[in-house]
Every structure is written in structure tokens, then in C-alpha cells.
Amino acid sequence: MEQNFQRSLAVDDALESGAVLAYEMNGQPLLPQHGFPLRLVVPGWYGMTNVKWLTRIEAVAEPFAGYQQARGYRLRLDEDEEGEPLTRMRPRALMVPPGDPEFLTRERIVKLGPCDLQGRAWSGCGEVVSVEVSCDGGRTWDHASLESAADMTWAWRGWTYSWRPPSTGRFELCCRAQDSAGNEQPLDPPWNVGGYANNAVQRIPVTVVD
């Protein structure tokens, strides 16, 4: 059955975020999976606001009360709650898994010696100002080196960290981001019915071998 996805965005939010209507990506027409022929792009906001396959835009005088706005994509602890709307992306850092995957378990295998960790971090609430890395499952943390901030607001920020495993054995690597608005990525994010905005710290188990 055909369904229409409808969302609204306040004029102030659209202007502040630098929202655009995109018909090309990297100089080429949008692919169907990216929203051809026209897509709304709202930097810093979660994907449900970046509506694909646009067919119509309407200016309304009152807040839109369609299902996807009033019931879908809201943070609630119970189905009967009104909840809070999902808006800007919470801070998050992700790491490129180091080493090679073990054939059966897919756990990463890392050679003993210097190991360069790298990844990306982003936030829709402010500039990423810090990324920390833990090599012991979150018990202790150390600052990673951040790449220069991109010229474009809300772009992700690269980071690197040089890890020297102290011994062979199993380790758990983690990373977390902080932004200029004072938000920090949690070890365990608050639960909600839809599982939205999950920015829990990434955990990568690795085995160090000689």
C-alpha cells in the first residue's frame, strides 16, 4: 500500500541549519536510493528530517500534526507518552576496527607493537572539540588527536590515536566524543521505546598476538 511520508521543519530551524534542496551529489544526479529527483538535506539533524523523493513542499501556519511528526520519531519511555521529538544528532565517535578479522569469531586480531587507531566523530549540537579513546573497556581514557575542523558546519571530524598494546591478550577498544555545547557521548544512553538516537560508546574487542 502506498504511503506518503510527511514532516515539517520550523522556518528558524531550516535557516539556522543551512537546509538545502539537493538534486545532485558530487556533480551527478542523485541516485534513487539517495532521494532522486529531489531531497531535503538538513545538516546536523537525524535522517528522518532529510526527506527523500520530495514531491511537494507546503508552507503551513500551524505546527504539522501528521503521524510521522506527532507520533513517529519521538523519544518516549512508554507508548502512551507524547514524548519529545527527535531533532539534532547527539555526539558520536566511531572507530575503524584495527587489525584483521578472525575467520570464525570475526574478532579483530592485532599484532603486538604500535597500532594506529583512527575514526570519525560528529554532532548536530555543536562542533566536536574532543575525542577520547579507551583501550581497557572504558575504565581509563586518553585524548585522541583531532584533525583540523572542516570549513563546513556539521561535517564530521577525523581523529587518530597511537596505541601500543602492553602485552598479548584480549582488549576492548572504545571511543567517545564531546561537542562545544557540552554534550558527551555516554557509555549507556537513556532507553526509549523506538531505540532512537542511540549514541552508546562503540566497543571493539581485539586480540593482540605476538
C-alpha atoms as a PDB file:
ATOM      1  CA  MET A   1       0.000   0.000   0.000  1.00  0.00           C
ATOM      2  CA  GLU A   2       1.372   3.401  -0.968  1.00  0.00           C
ATOM      3  CA  GLN A   3       2.192   5.767   1.873  1.00  0.00           C
ATOM      4  CA  ASN A   4       3.270   9.392   1.926  1.00  0.00           C
ATOM      5  CA  PHE A   5       5.991  10.414   4.365  1.00  0.00           C
ATOM      6  CA  GLN A   6       5.366  13.935   5.653  1.00  0.00           C
ATOM      7  CA  ARG A   7       7.454  16.010   8.032  1.00  0.00           C
ATOM      8  CA  SER A   8       7.635  19.671   8.987  1.00  0.00           C
ATOM      9  CA  LEU A   9      10.505  21.979   9.906  1.00  0.00           C
ATOM     10  CA  ALA A  10      10.208  25.389  11.507  1.00  0.00           C
ATOM     11  CA  VAL A  11      11.498  28.249   9.364  1.00  0.00           C
ATOM     12  CA  ASP A  12      14.041  29.244  12.032  1.00  0.00           C
ATOM     13  CA  ASP A  13      15.395  25.675  12.209  1.00  0.00           C
ATOM     14  CA  ALA A  14      15.698  25.467   8.428  1.00  0.00           C
ATOM     15  CA  LEU A  15      17.582  28.763   8.235  1.00  0.00           C
ATOM     16  CA  GLU A  16      19.868  28.063  11.202  1.00  0.00           C
ATOM     17  CA  SER A  17      20.856  24.613   9.962  1.00  0.00           C
ATOM     18  CA  GLY A  18      21.560  25.723   6.396  1.00  0.00           C
ATOM     19  CA  ALA A  19      18.982  23.321   4.940  1.00  0.00           C
ATOM     20  CA  VAL A  20      19.149  22.845   1.166  1.00  0.00           C
ATOM     21  CA  LEU A  21      17.216  21.074  -1.550  1.00  0.00           C
ATOM     22  CA  ALA A  22      19.651  18.689  -3.221  1.00  0.00           C
ATOM     23  CA  TYR A  23      19.273  17.319  -6.754  1.00  0.00           C
ATOM     24  CA  GLU A  24      22.939  16.373  -7.298  1.00  0.00           C
ATOM     25  CA  MET A  25      25.717  14.710  -5.320  1.00  0.00           C
ATOM     26  CA  ASN A  26      29.340  15.122  -6.390  1.00  0.00           C
ATOM     27  CA  GLY A  27      28.208  16.713  -9.629  1.00  0.00           C
ATOM     28  CA  GLN A  28      25.931  13.816 -10.604  1.00  0.00           C
ATOM     29  CA  PRO A  29      22.129  13.468 -10.330  1.00  0.00           C
ATOM     30  CA  LEU A  30      21.003  11.878  -7.092  1.00  0.00           C
ATOM     31  CA  LEU A  31      20.688   8.112  -7.231  1.00  0.00           C
ATOM     32  CA  PRO A  32      17.224   6.711  -6.414  1.00  0.00           C
ATOM     33  CA  GLN A  33      18.446   5.379  -3.053  1.00  0.00           C
ATOM     34  CA  HIS A  34      19.676   8.871  -2.158  1.00  0.00           C
ATOM     35  CA  GLY A  35      16.357  10.561  -2.935  1.00  0.00           C
ATOM     36  CA  PHE A  36      16.149  11.232  -6.694  1.00  0.00           C
ATOM     37  CA  PRO A  37      14.919  13.560  -8.030  1.00  0.00           C
ATOM     38  CA  LEU A  38      14.974  15.928  -5.042  1.00  0.00           C
ATOM     39  CA  ARG A  39      15.912  15.587  -1.400  1.00  0.00           C
ATOM     40  CA  LEU A  40      15.823  17.885   1.605  1.00  0.00           C
ATOM     41  CA  VAL A  41      19.172  17.974   3.450  1.00  0.00           C
ATOM     42  CA  VAL A  42      19.133  19.408   6.977  1.00  0.00           C
ATOM     43  CA  PRO A  43      22.721  19.344   8.322  1.00  0.00           C
ATOM     44  CA  GLY A  44      23.052  18.233  11.926  1.00  0.00           C
ATOM     45  CA  TRP A  45      19.586  16.637  12.134  1.00  0.00           C
ATOM     46  CA  TYR A  46      18.717  12.959  12.204  1.00  0.00           C
ATOM     47  CA  GLY A  47      17.857  11.289   8.918  1.00  0.00           C
ATOM     48  CA  MET A  48      14.063  11.344   9.197  1.00  0.00           C
ATOM     49  CA  THR A  49      14.205  15.118   8.679  1.00  0.00           C
ATOM     50  CA  ASN A  50      16.256  14.733   5.487  1.00  0.00           C
ATOM     51  CA  VAL A  51      13.222  13.725   3.440  1.00  0.00           C
ATOM     52  CA  LYS A  52      13.890  11.829   0.188  1.00  0.00           C
ATOM     53  CA  TRP A  53      11.926  11.759  -3.082  1.00  0.00           C
ATOM     54  CA  LEU A  54      10.310  15.151  -2.499  1.00  0.00           C
ATOM     55  CA  THR A  55       7.146  15.775  -4.484  1.00  0.00           C
ATOM     56  CA  ARG A  56       5.644  18.765  -2.717  1.00  0.00           C
ATOM     57  CA  ILE A  57       6.540  21.492  -0.194  1.00  0.00           C
ATOM     58  CA  GLU A  58       3.834  23.395   1.628  1.00  0.00           C
ATOM     59  CA  ALA A  59       4.044  26.418   3.923  1.00  0.00           C
ATOM     60  CA  VAL A  60       1.704  25.953   6.883  1.00  0.00           C
ATOM     61  CA  ALA A  61       0.662  28.439   9.540  1.00  0.00           C
ATOM     62  CA  GLU A  62       0.291  25.880  12.337  1.00  0.00           C
ATOM     63  CA  PRO A  63       2.591  23.063  13.524  1.00  0.00           C
ATOM     64  CA  PHE A  64       2.114  19.985  11.341  1.00  0.00           C
ATOM     65  CA  ALA A  65       0.330  17.166  13.171  1.00  0.00           C
ATOM     66  CA  GLY A  66       0.762  14.242  10.758  1.00  0.00           C
ATOM     67  CA  TYR A  67       1.676  10.800  12.096  1.00  0.00           C
ATOM     68  CA  GLN A  68       5.412  10.988  11.359  1.00  0.00           C
ATOM     69  CA  GLN A  69       5.570  14.322  13.168  1.00  0.00           C
ATOM     70  CA  ALA A  70       3.213  13.784  16.096  1.00  0.00           C
ATOM     71  CA  ARG A  71       3.749  10.047  16.782  1.00  0.00           C
ATOM     72  CA  GLY A  72       6.722   8.740  14.827  1.00  0.00           C
ATOM     73  CA  TYR A  73      10.339   9.563  15.641  1.00  0.00           C
ATOM     74  CA  ARG A  74       9.772  10.738  19.188  1.00  0.00           C
ATOM     75  CA  LEU A  75      11.701   9.865  22.344  1.00  0.00           C
ATOM     76  CA  ARG A  76       9.309   8.217  24.795  1.00  0.00           C
ATOM     77  CA  LEU A  77       9.622   5.779  27.686  1.00  0.00           C
ATOM     78  CA  ASP A  78       6.120   4.399  27.114  1.00  0.00           C
ATOM     79  CA  GLU A  79       3.955   4.001  24.007  1.00  0.00           C
ATOM     80  CA  ASP A  80       1.238   6.148  25.570  1.00  0.00           C
ATOM     81  CA  GLU A  81       3.506   9.121  26.204  1.00  0.00           C
ATOM     82  CA  GLU A  82       3.584  12.104  23.870  1.00  0.00           C
ATOM     83  CA  GLY A  83       7.382  12.118  24.076  1.00  0.00           C
ATOM     84  CA  GLU A  84       9.954  14.580  22.790  1.00  0.00           C
ATOM     85  CA  PRO A  85      10.625  14.986  19.060  1.00  0.00           C
ATOM     86  CA  LEU A  86      13.853  13.639  17.625  1.00  0.00           C
ATOM     87  CA  THR A  87      15.834  16.579  16.239  1.00  0.00           C
ATOM     88  CA  ARG A  88      19.583  17.195  16.260  1.00  0.00           C
ATOM     89  CA  MET A  89      22.148  14.401  16.221  1.00  0.00           C
ATOM     90  CA  ARG A  90      23.792  13.609  19.530  1.00  0.00           C
ATOM     91  CA  PRO A  91      27.610  13.469  19.608  1.00  0.00           C
ATOM     92  CA  ARG A  92      29.137  10.230  18.425  1.00  0.00           C
ATOM     93  CA  ALA A  93      32.572   8.857  17.556  1.00  0.00           C
ATOM     94  CA  LEU A  94      33.237   5.693  15.591  1.00  0.00           C
ATOM     95  CA  MET A  95      36.497   3.796  15.130  1.00  0.00           C
ATOM     96  CA  VAL A  96      37.751   1.868  12.134  1.00  0.00           C
ATOM     97  CA  PRO A  97      38.272  -1.657  13.564  1.00  0.00           C
ATOM     98  CA  PRO A  98      42.044  -2.267  13.585  1.00  0.00           C
ATOM     99  CA  GLY A  99      43.838  -5.424  12.516  1.00  0.00           C
ATOM    100  CA  ASP A 100      42.294  -8.361  10.683  1.00  0.00           C
ATOM    101  CA  PRO A 101      39.078 -10.270  11.471  1.00  0.00           C
ATOM    102  CA  GLU A 102      39.436 -13.768  12.867  1.00  0.00           C
ATOM    103  CA  PHE A 103      37.782 -16.195  10.444  1.00  0.00           C
ATOM    104  CA  LEU A 104      35.236 -17.790  12.818  1.00  0.00           C
ATOM    105  CA  THR A 105      34.556 -15.206  15.549  1.00  0.00           C
ATOM    106  CA  ARG A 106      35.269 -12.079  13.429  1.00  0.00           C
ATOM    107  CA  GLU A 107      37.102 -10.632  16.435  1.00  0.00           C
ATOM    108  CA  ARG A 108      39.927  -8.366  15.339  1.00  0.00           C
ATOM    109  CA  ILE A 109      43.495  -9.692  15.502  1.00  0.00           C
ATOM    110  CA  VAL A 110      46.211  -7.093  16.142  1.00  0.00           C
ATOM    111  CA  LYS A 111      49.970  -7.639  16.120  1.00  0.00           C
ATOM    112  CA  LEU A 112      51.923  -6.689  19.241  1.00  0.00           C
ATOM    113  CA  GLY A 113      53.555  -3.308  18.657  1.00  0.00           C
ATOM    114  CA  PRO A 114      52.440   0.222  17.723  1.00  0.00           C
ATOM    115  CA  CYS A 115      48.873   0.329  16.410  1.00  0.00           C
ATOM    116  CA  ASP A 116      47.357   3.467  14.887  1.00  0.00           C
ATOM    117  CA  LEU A 117      43.647   3.842  15.627  1.00  0.00           C
ATOM    118  CA  GLN A 118      41.505   6.215  13.596  1.00  0.00           C
ATOM    119  CA  GLY A 119      37.910   7.204  13.119  1.00  0.00           C
ATOM    120  CA  ARG A 120      35.361   9.982  12.687  1.00  0.00           C
ATOM    121  CA  ALA A 121      33.231  11.991  15.100  1.00  0.00           C
ATOM    122  CA  TRP A 122      30.246  14.277  14.640  1.00  0.00           C
ATOM    123  CA  SER A 123      27.480  16.116  16.471  1.00  0.00           C
ATOM    124  CA  GLY A 124      24.453  18.129  15.450  1.00  0.00           C
ATOM    125  CA  CYS A 125      24.572  20.206  18.629  1.00  0.00           C
ATOM    126  CA  GLY A 126      27.988  21.830  18.240  1.00  0.00           C
ATOM    127  CA  GLU A 127      31.499  21.383  16.931  1.00  0.00           C
ATOM    128  CA  VAL A 128      33.342  18.239  18.025  1.00  0.00           C
ATOM    129  CA  VAL A 129      36.009  19.507  20.416  1.00  0.00           C
ATOM    130  CA  SER A 130      37.345  16.272  21.868  1.00  0.00           C
ATOM    131  CA  VAL A 131      37.558  12.551  21.212  1.00  0.00           C
ATOM    132  CA  GLU A 132      38.782  10.152  23.879  1.00  0.00           C
ATOM    133  CA  VAL A 133      39.928   6.572  23.436  1.00  0.00           C
ATOM    134  CA  SER A 134      39.898   3.756  25.976  1.00  0.00           C
ATOM    135  CA  CYS A 135      41.864   0.546  25.495  1.00  0.00           C
ATOM    136  CA  ASP A 136      40.565  -1.164  28.624  1.00  0.00           C
ATOM    137  CA  GLY A 137      36.824  -1.252  28.099  1.00  0.00           C
ATOM    138  CA  GLY A 138      36.108   2.251  29.401  1.00  0.00           C
ATOM    139  CA  ARG A 139      37.953   2.157  32.710  1.00  0.00           C
ATOM    140  CA  THR A 140      40.521   4.772  31.654  1.00  0.00           C
ATOM    141  CA  TRP A 141      40.525   7.295  28.808  1.00  0.00           C
ATOM    142  CA  ASP A 142      43.116   9.275  26.840  1.00  0.00           C
ATOM    143  CA  HIS A 143      42.697  12.102  24.335  1.00  0.00           C
ATOM    144  CA  ALA A 144      42.984  11.385  20.617  1.00  0.00           C
ATOM    145  CA  SER A 145      44.413  13.872  18.118  1.00  0.00           C
ATOM    146  CA  LEU A 146      41.759  15.739  16.132  1.00  0.00           C
ATOM    147  CA  GLU A 147      42.137  16.707  12.506  1.00  0.00           C
ATOM    148  CA  SER A 148      41.539  20.342  11.611  1.00  0.00           C
ATOM    149  CA  ALA A 149      37.878  21.282  11.674  1.00  0.00           C
ATOM    150  CA  ALA A 150      36.213  21.252   8.258  1.00  0.00           C
ATOM    151  CA  ASP A 151      35.072  24.529   6.728  1.00  0.00           C
ATOM    152  CA  MET A 152      31.513  23.191   6.522  1.00  0.00           C
ATOM    153  CA  THR A 153      29.435  23.331   9.694  1.00  0.00           C
ATOM    154  CA  TRP A 154      28.263  19.943  10.999  1.00  0.00           C
ATOM    155  CA  ALA A 155      30.818  17.986   8.956  1.00  0.00           C
ATOM    156  CA  TRP A 156      32.416  15.018  10.706  1.00  0.00           C
ATOM    157  CA  ARG A 157      35.879  15.385  12.206  1.00  0.00           C
ATOM    158  CA  GLY A 158      38.662  12.858  11.796  1.00  0.00           C
ATOM    159  CA  TRP A 159      40.717  11.658  14.743  1.00  0.00           C
ATOM    160  CA  THR A 160      43.744   9.422  15.352  1.00  0.00           C
ATOM    161  CA  TYR A 161      45.284   7.713  18.367  1.00  0.00           C
ATOM    162  CA  SER A 162      48.528   5.794  18.691  1.00  0.00           C
ATOM    163  CA  TRP A 163      48.079   2.685  20.823  1.00  0.00           C
ATOM    164  CA  ARG A 164      50.900   0.438  21.967  1.00  0.00           C
ATOM    165  CA  PRO A 165      49.408  -2.732  23.495  1.00  0.00           C
ATOM    166  CA  PRO A 166      51.221  -3.537  26.750  1.00  0.00           C
ATOM    167  CA  SER A 167      51.049  -7.280  26.153  1.00  0.00           C
ATOM    168  CA  THR A 168      49.372 -10.011  24.187  1.00  0.00           C
ATOM    169  CA  GLY A 169      45.811 -10.945  25.141  1.00  0.00           C
ATOM    170  CA  ARG A 170      42.285  -9.597  24.798  1.00  0.00           C
ATOM    171  CA  PHE A 171      41.420  -5.907  24.974  1.00  0.00           C
ATOM    172  CA  GLU A 172      38.294  -3.814  24.406  1.00  0.00           C
ATOM    173  CA  LEU A 173      38.734  -0.559  22.474  1.00  0.00           C
ATOM    174  CA  CYS A 174      36.250   2.301  22.923  1.00  0.00           C
ATOM    175  CA  CYS A 175      35.895   5.881  21.720  1.00  0.00           C
ATOM    176  CA  ARG A 176      33.656   8.789  22.698  1.00  0.00           C
ATOM    177  CA  ALA A 177      33.124  12.364  21.507  1.00  0.00           C
ATOM    178  CA  GLN A 178      32.365  15.680  23.188  1.00  0.00           C
ATOM    179  CA  ASP A 179      30.983  18.789  21.480  1.00  0.00           C
ATOM    180  CA  SER A 180      31.196  22.539  22.058  1.00  0.00           C
ATOM    181  CA  ALA A 181      27.736  22.580  23.643  1.00  0.00           C
ATOM    182  CA  GLY A 182      28.993  20.397  26.500  1.00  0.00           C
ATOM    183  CA  ASN A 183      27.410  17.130  25.352  1.00  0.00           C
ATOM    184  CA  GLU A 184      29.397  13.928  25.866  1.00  0.00           C
ATOM    185  CA  GLN A 185      28.764  10.518  24.399  1.00  0.00           C
ATOM    186  CA  PRO A 186      27.512   8.197  27.175  1.00  0.00           C
ATOM    187  CA  LEU A 187      28.664   4.684  27.948  1.00  0.00           C
ATOM    188  CA  ASP A 188      24.999   3.639  28.037  1.00  0.00           C
ATOM    189  CA  PRO A 189      22.419   6.039  26.544  1.00  0.00           C
ATOM    190  CA  PRO A 190      18.941   6.510  28.053  1.00  0.00           C
ATOM    191  CA  TRP A 191      16.483   3.869  26.843  1.00  0.00           C
ATOM    192  CA  ASN A 192      13.492   4.818  24.691  1.00  0.00           C
ATOM    193  CA  VAL A 193      10.699   2.806  23.031  1.00  0.00           C
ATOM    194  CA  GLY A 194      11.881   3.348  19.457  1.00  0.00           C
ATOM    195  CA  GLY A 195      15.571   2.875  20.174  1.00  0.00           C
ATOM    196  CA  TYR A 196      16.249   6.260  18.550  1.00  0.00           C
ATOM    197  CA  ALA A 197      19.355   8.445  18.956  1.00  0.00           C
ATOM    198  CA  ASN A 198      21.451   5.547  20.244  1.00  0.00           C
ATOM    199  CA  ASN A 199      24.909   7.040  20.599  1.00  0.00           C
ATOM    200  CA  ALA A 200      26.344   4.479  23.010  1.00  0.00           C
ATOM    201  CA  VAL A 201      30.115   4.255  23.088  1.00  0.00           C
ATOM    202  CA  GLN A 202      31.412   1.905  20.391  1.00  0.00           C
ATOM    203  CA  ARG A 203      33.163  -1.200  21.737  1.00  0.00           C
ATOM    204  CA  ILE A 204      35.580  -3.251  19.648  1.00  0.00           C
ATOM    205  CA  PRO A 205      37.044  -6.437  21.174  1.00  0.00           C
ATOM    206  CA  VAL A 206      40.531  -7.229  19.873  1.00  0.00           C
ATOM    207  CA  THR A 207      43.071  -9.966  20.482  1.00  0.00           C
ATOM    208  CA  VAL A 208      46.727  -8.953  20.473  1.00  0.00           C
ATOM    209  CA  VAL A 209      49.144 -11.620  19.283  1.00  0.00           C
ATOM    210  CA  ASP A 210      52.945 -11.782  19.098  1.00  0.00           C
END
